[in-house]
Amino acid sequence: MPKLDRNMFYNCKQVPSVLLQGIVNADQIFIDVFAGDGAYPLTEKIMVPYKDNGHLTQNQKNFNKILSSSRVVVEQAFGKLIGRFRKLKHNMDVYHKSYCAKIITAACCLHNICMTTGDDFDADPYVSEIEIGGDLHEDGTRSGVLKRNTICNALLLQDHI
């Protein structure tokens, strides 16, 4: 068995894991992938929901609902990816992050080929939102918070027009 990479990221179950950030289009084609080992904060380019501490405004709840609904296509794409390549969900017996990243990227490319050639596949029904979403940092950049609030307020104005 290969020597374990000491820089490997361990998830909450103390199992070595790599997180996949995937950006998909409306056709469930991965247009960008990034395999990494950290969670993402709120920034101008990465929107995360408002933390529901029991004091969200109706506008903030609406923003969270719209943001969540936009994830449906992404969740379906991840479900299909994991359904096609089940080793991505379980131990790949690879102990170096660079190899894991190459395997994950190759699987995404093969998924895209399958999708563009009409070889559709039912999503894995056992992919949970936690596996897809991961834990995100609550802290965000000031510009990310400002942008999220601007979008939230614009949605409120759109509802009144």
N, C-alpha and C. Protein backbone atom coordinates (compact mmCIF):
# COMPACT_ATOMS: atom_id res chain seq x y z
N MET A 1 0.86 -1.18 0.00
CA MET A 1 0.00 0.00 0.00
C MET A 1 0.90 1.24 0.00
N PRO A 2 0.57 2.25 -0.81
CA PRO A 2 1.40 3.46 -0.86
C PRO A 2 1.40 4.21 0.47
N LYS A 3 2.48 4.92 0.70
CA LYS A 3 2.58 5.74 1.90
C LYS A 3 1.55 6.86 1.84
N LEU A 4 0.87 7.09 2.94
CA LEU A 4 -0.19 8.10 3.01
C LEU A 4 0.39 9.50 2.91
N ASP A 5 -0.19 10.32 2.06
CA ASP A 5 0.21 11.73 1.91
C ASP A 5 -0.21 12.47 3.18
N ARG A 6 0.75 13.00 3.91
CA ARG A 6 0.43 13.68 5.17
C ARG A 6 -0.36 14.97 4.97
N ASN A 7 -0.36 15.50 3.76
CA ASN A 7 -1.11 16.72 3.47
C ASN A 7 -2.53 16.42 2.99
N MET A 8 -2.91 15.16 3.00
CA MET A 8 -4.25 14.78 2.55
C MET A 8 -5.28 15.40 3.49
N PHE A 9 -6.41 15.82 2.92
CA PHE A 9 -7.49 16.40 3.71
C PHE A 9 -8.33 15.27 4.29
N TYR A 10 -8.62 15.33 5.58
CA TYR A 10 -9.47 14.34 6.23
C TYR A 10 -10.83 14.97 6.49
N ASN A 11 -11.89 14.27 6.11
CA ASN A 11 -13.24 14.80 6.33
C ASN A 11 -13.67 14.57 7.77
N CYS A 12 -14.93 14.89 8.07
CA CYS A 12 -15.42 14.80 9.45
C CYS A 12 -15.43 13.36 9.97
N LYS A 13 -15.38 12.36 9.09
CA LYS A 13 -15.34 10.96 9.50
C LYS A 13 -13.89 10.46 9.60
N GLN A 14 -12.93 11.40 9.50
CA GLN A 14 -11.50 11.09 9.56
C GLN A 14 -11.06 10.15 8.44
N VAL A 15 -11.68 10.32 7.28
CA VAL A 15 -11.34 9.55 6.08
C VAL A 15 -10.68 10.51 5.10
N PRO A 16 -9.55 10.12 4.49
CA PRO A 16 -8.94 11.01 3.49
C PRO A 16 -9.92 11.30 2.36
N SER A 17 -10.04 12.55 1.99
CA SER A 17 -10.98 12.90 0.93
C SER A 17 -10.51 14.14 0.19
N VAL A 18 -11.05 14.31 -1.00
CA VAL A 18 -10.78 15.47 -1.83
C VAL A 18 -12.12 16.05 -2.21
N LEU A 19 -12.27 17.36 -2.10
CA LEU A 19 -13.51 18.02 -2.49
C LEU A 19 -13.45 18.39 -3.96
N LEU A 20 -14.58 18.26 -4.63
CA LEU A 20 -14.66 18.63 -6.03
C LEU A 20 -15.59 19.82 -6.17
N GLN A 21 -15.05 20.91 -6.71
CA GLN A 21 -15.87 22.05 -7.09
C GLN A 21 -16.16 21.88 -8.56
N GLY A 22 -17.42 21.76 -8.89
CA GLY A 22 -17.78 21.61 -10.29
C GLY A 22 -18.76 22.68 -10.71
N ILE A 23 -18.49 23.28 -11.83
CA ILE A 23 -19.41 24.25 -12.41
C ILE A 23 -20.01 23.60 -13.63
N VAL A 24 -21.34 23.52 -13.67
CA VAL A 24 -22.02 22.86 -14.78
C VAL A 24 -22.96 23.83 -15.47
N ASN A 25 -23.21 23.56 -16.76
CA ASN A 25 -24.19 24.37 -17.48
C ASN A 25 -25.57 23.72 -17.38
N ALA A 26 -26.54 24.28 -18.05
CA ALA A 26 -27.92 23.78 -17.95
C ALA A 26 -28.07 22.37 -18.50
N ASP A 27 -27.11 21.91 -19.31
CA ASP A 27 -27.15 20.56 -19.87
C ASP A 27 -26.38 19.55 -19.03
N GLN A 28 -26.01 19.94 -17.82
CA GLN A 28 -25.28 19.09 -16.87
C GLN A 28 -23.89 18.71 -17.38
N ILE A 29 -23.29 19.60 -18.15
CA ILE A 29 -21.92 19.44 -18.64
C ILE A 29 -20.99 20.21 -17.70
N PHE A 30 -19.96 19.56 -17.20
CA PHE A 30 -18.99 20.26 -16.35
C PHE A 30 -18.18 21.20 -17.22
N ILE A 31 -18.26 22.50 -16.93
CA ILE A 31 -17.49 23.48 -17.70
C ILE A 31 -16.24 23.93 -16.96
N ASP A 32 -16.15 23.60 -15.68
CA ASP A 32 -14.96 23.89 -14.91
C ASP A 32 -14.95 22.96 -13.71
N VAL A 33 -13.79 22.43 -13.37
CA VAL A 33 -13.67 21.60 -12.19
C VAL A 33 -12.42 22.02 -11.43
N PHE A 34 -12.50 21.89 -10.12
CA PHE A 34 -11.37 22.16 -9.25
C PHE A 34 -11.42 21.16 -8.12
N ALA A 35 -10.41 20.35 -8.00
CA ALA A 35 -10.33 19.39 -6.90
C ALA A 35 -9.44 20.00 -5.83
N GLY A 36 -9.98 20.14 -4.64
CA GLY A 36 -9.23 20.78 -3.58
C GLY A 36 -9.54 20.17 -2.24
N ASP A 37 -9.02 20.80 -1.20
CA ASP A 37 -9.21 20.24 0.13
C ASP A 37 -9.62 21.29 1.16
N GLY A 38 -10.36 22.29 0.72
CA GLY A 38 -10.82 23.29 1.65
C GLY A 38 -12.25 23.69 1.37
N ALA A 39 -12.85 24.38 2.31
CA ALA A 39 -14.21 24.89 2.11
C ALA A 39 -14.10 26.32 1.60
N TYR A 40 -15.19 26.80 1.07
CA TYR A 40 -15.17 28.09 0.41
C TYR A 40 -15.93 29.14 1.22
N PRO A 41 -15.35 30.33 1.35
CA PRO A 41 -16.05 31.43 2.01
C PRO A 41 -16.91 32.19 1.00
N LEU A 42 -17.78 33.02 1.50
CA LEU A 42 -18.57 33.91 0.66
C LEU A 42 -17.62 34.94 0.04
N THR A 43 -17.65 35.04 -1.29
CA THR A 43 -16.87 36.05 -1.99
C THR A 43 -17.75 36.64 -3.08
N GLU A 44 -17.20 37.58 -3.83
CA GLU A 44 -17.96 38.17 -4.93
C GLU A 44 -18.32 37.13 -5.98
N LYS A 45 -17.51 36.09 -6.11
CA LYS A 45 -17.73 35.09 -7.16
C LYS A 45 -18.35 33.80 -6.64
N ILE A 46 -18.42 33.63 -5.34
CA ILE A 46 -19.02 32.43 -4.76
C ILE A 46 -20.11 32.86 -3.79
N MET A 47 -21.35 32.57 -4.16
CA MET A 47 -22.48 32.93 -3.31
C MET A 47 -22.83 31.75 -2.41
N VAL A 48 -23.01 32.03 -1.14
CA VAL A 48 -23.46 31.02 -0.18
C VAL A 48 -24.72 31.56 0.48
N PRO A 49 -25.58 30.67 0.96
CA PRO A 49 -26.83 31.14 1.57
C PRO A 49 -26.57 31.88 2.88
N TYR A 50 -27.58 32.65 3.27
CA TYR A 50 -27.54 33.28 4.59
C TYR A 50 -27.67 32.16 5.62
N LYS A 51 -26.91 32.25 6.70
CA LYS A 51 -27.04 31.27 7.77
C LYS A 51 -28.37 31.50 8.47
N ASP A 52 -29.16 30.44 8.57
CA ASP A 52 -30.48 30.57 9.19
C ASP A 52 -30.35 30.38 10.69
N ASN A 53 -30.24 31.49 11.39
CA ASN A 53 -30.13 31.47 12.84
C ASN A 53 -31.48 31.75 13.51
N GLY A 54 -32.56 31.65 12.72
CA GLY A 54 -33.89 31.89 13.24
C GLY A 54 -34.33 33.34 13.12
N HIS A 55 -33.47 34.20 12.59
CA HIS A 55 -33.78 35.63 12.49
C HIS A 55 -33.66 36.16 11.07
N LEU A 56 -33.79 35.29 10.07
CA LEU A 56 -33.71 35.75 8.68
C LEU A 56 -34.96 36.52 8.30
N THR A 57 -34.76 37.53 7.48
CA THR A 57 -35.91 38.26 6.94
C THR A 57 -36.54 37.40 5.84
N GLN A 58 -37.75 37.74 5.46
CA GLN A 58 -38.41 37.01 4.38
C GLN A 58 -37.60 37.12 3.08
N ASN A 59 -37.01 38.30 2.87
CA ASN A 59 -36.18 38.52 1.69
C ASN A 59 -34.96 37.59 1.69
N GLN A 60 -34.32 37.43 2.84
CA GLN A 60 -33.16 36.54 2.94
C GLN A 60 -33.58 35.08 2.74
N LYS A 61 -34.73 34.71 3.27
CA LYS A 61 -35.25 33.34 3.05
C LYS A 61 -35.53 33.11 1.58
N ASN A 62 -36.07 34.12 0.90
CA ASN A 62 -36.34 34.02 -0.54
C ASN A 62 -35.03 33.85 -1.31
N PHE A 63 -34.02 34.63 -0.95
CA PHE A 63 -32.70 34.50 -1.58
C PHE A 63 -32.18 33.08 -1.42
N ASN A 64 -32.23 32.55 -0.20
CA ASN A 64 -31.74 31.19 0.05
C ASN A 64 -32.50 30.17 -0.79
N LYS A 65 -33.81 30.36 -0.93
CA LYS A 65 -34.64 29.43 -1.71
C LYS A 65 -34.23 29.46 -3.19
N ILE A 66 -34.05 30.65 -3.74
CA ILE A 66 -33.66 30.78 -5.14
C ILE A 66 -32.25 30.21 -5.36
N LEU A 67 -31.34 30.52 -4.46
CA LEU A 67 -29.97 29.99 -4.56
C LEU A 67 -29.99 28.46 -4.50
N SER A 68 -30.78 27.92 -3.61
CA SER A 68 -30.89 26.47 -3.47
C SER A 68 -31.47 25.82 -4.72
N SER A 69 -32.49 26.46 -5.31
CA SER A 69 -33.12 25.87 -6.50
C SER A 69 -32.17 25.87 -7.70
N SER A 70 -31.23 26.82 -7.72
CA SER A 70 -30.28 26.85 -8.83
C SER A 70 -29.28 25.71 -8.74
N ARG A 71 -29.21 25.07 -7.58
CA ARG A 71 -28.28 23.96 -7.39
C ARG A 71 -28.82 22.65 -7.93
N VAL A 72 -30.09 22.59 -8.30
CA VAL A 72 -30.70 21.34 -8.74
C VAL A 72 -29.93 20.73 -9.92
N VAL A 73 -29.62 21.54 -10.92
CA VAL A 73 -28.90 21.04 -12.10
C VAL A 73 -27.52 20.53 -11.68
N VAL A 74 -26.87 21.26 -10.79
CA VAL A 74 -25.55 20.86 -10.32
C VAL A 74 -25.65 19.53 -9.57
N GLU A 75 -26.64 19.41 -8.70
CA GLU A 75 -26.81 18.17 -7.95
C GLU A 75 -27.09 16.99 -8.88
N GLN A 76 -27.88 17.22 -9.92
CA GLN A 76 -28.16 16.15 -10.88
C GLN A 76 -26.89 15.74 -11.62
N ALA A 77 -26.07 16.72 -11.99
CA ALA A 77 -24.82 16.41 -12.69
C ALA A 77 -23.89 15.60 -11.78
N PHE A 78 -23.76 16.01 -10.52
CA PHE A 78 -22.93 15.26 -9.58
C PHE A 78 -23.48 13.86 -9.37
N GLY A 79 -24.80 13.74 -9.28
CA GLY A 79 -25.41 12.42 -9.11
C GLY A 79 -25.08 11.50 -10.28
N LYS A 80 -25.14 12.05 -11.48
CA LYS A 80 -24.81 11.26 -12.67
C LYS A 80 -23.32 10.90 -12.70
N LEU A 81 -22.48 11.86 -12.34
CA LEU A 81 -21.04 11.62 -12.30
C LEU A 81 -20.72 10.47 -11.34
N ILE A 82 -21.27 10.54 -10.14
CA ILE A 82 -21.00 9.51 -9.14
C ILE A 82 -21.67 8.20 -9.52
N GLY A 83 -22.83 8.27 -10.17
CA GLY A 83 -23.48 7.05 -10.63
C GLY A 83 -22.66 6.32 -11.68
N ARG A 84 -22.02 7.08 -12.55
CA ARG A 84 -21.17 6.49 -13.59
C ARG A 84 -19.86 5.96 -13.02
N PHE A 85 -19.30 6.70 -12.10
CA PHE A 85 -17.97 6.38 -11.58
C PHE A 85 -18.06 6.26 -10.06
N ARG A 86 -18.57 5.12 -9.61
CA ARG A 86 -18.86 4.91 -8.18
C ARG A 86 -17.62 4.99 -7.29
N LYS A 87 -16.46 4.77 -7.85
CA LYS A 87 -15.23 4.87 -7.05
C LYS A 87 -15.02 6.29 -6.53
N LEU A 88 -15.63 7.28 -7.18
CA LEU A 88 -15.50 8.66 -6.70
C LEU A 88 -16.19 8.83 -5.35
N LYS A 89 -17.18 8.01 -5.09
CA LYS A 89 -17.93 8.13 -3.83
C LYS A 89 -17.23 7.40 -2.69
N HIS A 90 -16.48 6.39 -3.02
CA HIS A 90 -15.83 5.57 -2.01
C HIS A 90 -14.32 5.66 -2.15
N ASN A 91 -13.62 4.91 -1.37
CA ASN A 91 -12.16 4.93 -1.36
C ASN A 91 -11.60 4.56 -2.74
N MET A 92 -10.80 5.45 -3.30
CA MET A 92 -10.19 5.19 -4.61
C MET A 92 -8.84 4.49 -4.47
N ASP A 93 -8.40 4.20 -3.24
CA ASP A 93 -7.11 3.56 -3.00
C ASP A 93 -5.97 4.34 -3.64
N VAL A 94 -6.07 5.63 -3.63
CA VAL A 94 -5.03 6.52 -4.14
C VAL A 94 -4.67 7.46 -2.99
N TYR A 95 -3.39 7.54 -2.67
CA TYR A 95 -3.01 8.28 -1.48
C TYR A 95 -2.24 9.57 -1.76
N HIS A 96 -2.30 10.04 -2.97
CA HIS A 96 -1.66 11.30 -3.30
C HIS A 96 -2.69 12.21 -3.94
N LYS A 97 -2.81 13.42 -3.42
CA LYS A 97 -3.83 14.34 -3.92
C LYS A 97 -3.70 14.60 -5.42
N SER A 98 -2.49 14.65 -5.92
CA SER A 98 -2.33 14.94 -7.35
C SER A 98 -2.95 13.84 -8.20
N TYR A 99 -2.82 12.58 -7.77
CA TYR A 99 -3.45 11.48 -8.51
C TYR A 99 -4.97 11.55 -8.40
N CYS A 100 -5.44 11.86 -7.20
CA CYS A 100 -6.89 11.98 -7.01
C CYS A 100 -7.46 13.05 -7.92
N ALA A 101 -6.80 14.18 -7.98
CA ALA A 101 -7.28 15.29 -8.82
C ALA A 101 -7.33 14.88 -10.29
N LYS A 102 -6.32 14.14 -10.75
CA LYS A 102 -6.31 13.68 -12.15
C LYS A 102 -7.44 12.69 -12.42
N ILE A 103 -7.68 11.79 -11.49
CA ILE A 103 -8.76 10.81 -11.66
C ILE A 103 -10.11 11.52 -11.70
N ILE A 104 -10.31 12.47 -10.79
CA ILE A 104 -11.58 13.20 -10.73
C ILE A 104 -11.79 14.01 -12.01
N THR A 105 -10.75 14.70 -12.46
CA THR A 105 -10.86 15.49 -13.68
C THR A 105 -11.16 14.60 -14.88
N ALA A 106 -10.50 13.45 -14.96
CA ALA A 106 -10.75 12.51 -16.06
C ALA A 106 -12.19 12.02 -16.03
N ALA A 107 -12.70 11.72 -14.84
CA ALA A 107 -14.09 11.27 -14.72
C ALA A 107 -15.06 12.35 -15.19
N CYS A 108 -14.78 13.61 -14.86
CA CYS A 108 -15.64 14.71 -15.32
C CYS A 108 -15.60 14.82 -16.84
N CYS A 109 -14.42 14.67 -17.43
CA CYS A 109 -14.30 14.72 -18.90
C CYS A 109 -15.08 13.58 -19.54
N LEU A 110 -14.95 12.38 -19.00
CA LEU A 110 -15.69 11.23 -19.53
C LEU A 110 -17.20 11.43 -19.37
N HIS A 111 -17.60 12.00 -18.25
CA HIS A 111 -19.02 12.32 -18.04
C HIS A 111 -19.51 13.26 -19.14
N ASN A 112 -18.72 14.28 -19.44
CA ASN A 112 -19.10 15.24 -20.49
C ASN A 112 -19.24 14.56 -21.84
N ILE A 113 -18.32 13.65 -22.14
CA ILE A 113 -18.41 12.92 -23.41
C ILE A 113 -19.71 12.11 -23.45
N CYS A 114 -20.01 11.44 -22.36
CA CYS A 114 -21.25 10.66 -22.30
C CYS A 114 -22.47 11.55 -22.49
N MET A 115 -22.48 12.71 -21.84
CA MET A 115 -23.64 13.61 -21.93
C MET A 115 -23.79 14.17 -23.34
N THR A 116 -22.68 14.53 -23.99
CA THR A 116 -22.78 15.14 -25.32
C THR A 116 -23.07 14.11 -26.41
N THR A 117 -22.83 12.82 -26.13
CA THR A 117 -23.12 11.79 -27.13
C THR A 117 -24.45 11.09 -26.86
N GLY A 118 -25.20 11.60 -25.89
CA GLY A 118 -26.52 11.05 -25.61
C GLY A 118 -26.53 9.82 -24.73
N ASP A 119 -25.41 9.49 -24.13
CA ASP A 119 -25.34 8.35 -23.22
C ASP A 119 -25.72 8.83 -21.82
N ASP A 120 -27.01 9.11 -21.65
CA ASP A 120 -27.49 9.65 -20.39
C ASP A 120 -27.50 8.56 -19.33
N PHE A 121 -27.53 8.96 -18.09
CA PHE A 121 -27.43 8.03 -16.98
C PHE A 121 -28.27 8.58 -15.84
N ASP A 122 -29.02 7.74 -15.17
CA ASP A 122 -29.81 8.20 -14.02
C ASP A 122 -28.88 8.57 -12.89
N ALA A 123 -29.24 9.63 -12.20
CA ALA A 123 -28.42 10.12 -11.09
C ALA A 123 -28.41 9.10 -9.97
N ASP A 124 -27.33 9.11 -9.21
CA ASP A 124 -27.22 8.27 -8.03
C ASP A 124 -28.18 8.82 -6.98
N PRO A 125 -29.21 8.05 -6.60
CA PRO A 125 -30.18 8.58 -5.64
C PRO A 125 -29.62 8.71 -4.23
N TYR A 126 -28.43 8.19 -3.99
CA TYR A 126 -27.86 8.22 -2.65
C TYR A 126 -26.87 9.35 -2.43
N VAL A 127 -26.78 10.26 -3.39
CA VAL A 127 -25.90 11.42 -3.21
C VAL A 127 -26.67 12.44 -2.39
N SER A 128 -26.17 12.72 -1.21
CA SER A 128 -26.89 13.64 -0.33
C SER A 128 -26.43 15.07 -0.55
N GLU A 129 -27.23 15.99 -0.08
CA GLU A 129 -26.89 17.41 -0.21
C GLU A 129 -25.60 17.73 0.52
N ILE A 130 -25.34 17.05 1.63
CA ILE A 130 -24.12 17.31 2.39
C ILE A 130 -22.91 16.91 1.56
N GLU A 131 -22.98 15.77 0.87
CA GLU A 131 -21.87 15.35 0.04
C GLU A 131 -21.62 16.34 -1.08
N ILE A 132 -22.68 16.91 -1.62
CA ILE A 132 -22.54 17.86 -2.72
C ILE A 132 -22.12 19.22 -2.20
N GLY A 133 -22.79 19.69 -1.16
CA GLY A 133 -22.56 21.04 -0.70
C GLY A 133 -21.33 21.22 0.13
N GLY A 134 -21.05 20.27 1.00
CA GLY A 134 -19.92 20.42 1.88
C GLY A 134 -20.17 21.50 2.92
N ASP A 135 -19.26 21.62 3.85
CA ASP A 135 -19.35 22.66 4.85
C ASP A 135 -18.67 23.90 4.32
N LEU A 136 -19.34 25.02 4.44
CA LEU A 136 -18.78 26.28 3.96
C LEU A 136 -18.45 27.17 5.14
N HIS A 137 -17.40 27.94 4.99
CA HIS A 137 -17.07 28.92 6.01
C HIS A 137 -18.18 29.95 6.09
N GLU A 138 -18.55 30.33 7.30
CA GLU A 138 -19.55 31.38 7.45
C GLU A 138 -18.95 32.74 7.13
N ASP A 139 -17.67 32.90 7.43
CA ASP A 139 -17.03 34.18 7.17
C ASP A 139 -16.93 34.40 5.67
N GLY A 140 -17.08 35.62 5.28
CA GLY A 140 -16.94 35.95 3.87
C GLY A 140 -16.22 37.27 3.73
N THR A 141 -15.85 37.57 2.52
CA THR A 141 -15.23 38.86 2.29
C THR A 141 -16.29 39.94 2.36
N ARG A 142 -15.87 41.12 2.68
CA ARG A 142 -16.79 42.25 2.76
C ARG A 142 -17.49 42.46 1.42
N SER A 143 -16.73 42.31 0.32
CA SER A 143 -17.32 42.51 -1.00
C SER A 143 -18.31 41.39 -1.32
N GLY A 144 -18.06 40.17 -0.83
CA GLY A 144 -18.99 39.07 -1.04
C GLY A 144 -20.30 39.29 -0.31
N VAL A 145 -20.20 39.76 0.93
CA VAL A 145 -21.41 40.06 1.72
C VAL A 145 -22.21 41.17 1.05
N LEU A 146 -21.52 42.21 0.59
CA LEU A 146 -22.18 43.33 -0.08
C LEU A 146 -22.89 42.85 -1.35
N LYS A 147 -22.21 42.01 -2.14
CA LYS A 147 -22.81 41.52 -3.39
C LYS A 147 -24.03 40.66 -3.10
N ARG A 148 -23.94 39.77 -2.10
CA ARG A 148 -25.09 38.92 -1.75
C ARG A 148 -26.27 39.78 -1.31
N ASN A 149 -26.01 40.78 -0.49
CA ASN A 149 -27.09 41.67 -0.04
C ASN A 149 -27.69 42.44 -1.21
N THR A 150 -26.86 42.87 -2.15
CA THR A 150 -27.35 43.59 -3.34
C THR A 150 -28.26 42.69 -4.17
N ILE A 151 -27.85 41.44 -4.37
CA ILE A 151 -28.68 40.49 -5.12
C ILE A 151 -29.98 40.23 -4.37
N CYS A 152 -29.88 40.05 -3.08
CA CYS A 152 -31.06 39.80 -2.25
C CYS A 152 -32.06 40.95 -2.37
N ASN A 153 -31.58 42.18 -2.31
CA ASN A 153 -32.45 43.35 -2.44
C ASN A 153 -33.02 43.48 -3.85
N ALA A 154 -32.22 43.13 -4.86
CA ALA A 154 -32.71 43.19 -6.24
C ALA A 154 -33.83 42.19 -6.46
N LEU A 155 -33.74 41.03 -5.82
CA LEU A 155 -34.81 40.03 -5.92
C LEU A 155 -36.10 40.56 -5.31
N LEU A 156 -35.97 41.29 -4.21
CA LEU A 156 -37.15 41.88 -3.57
C LEU A 156 -37.79 42.90 -4.49
N LEU A 157 -36.97 43.75 -5.12
CA LEU A 157 -37.51 44.74 -6.05
C LEU A 157 -38.17 44.07 -7.25
N GLN A 158 -37.59 42.99 -7.74
CA GLN A 158 -38.14 42.27 -8.88
C GLN A 158 -39.52 41.70 -8.55
N ASP A 159 -39.69 41.25 -7.32
CA ASP A 159 -40.99 40.71 -6.90
C ASP A 159 -42.07 41.77 -6.88
N HIS A 160 -41.70 43.03 -6.68
CA HIS A 160 -42.68 44.11 -6.58
C HIS A 160 -42.95 44.79 -7.91
N ILE A 161 -42.24 44.41 -8.96
CA ILE A 161 -42.45 45.05 -10.27
C ILE A 161 -43.51 44.31 -11.03
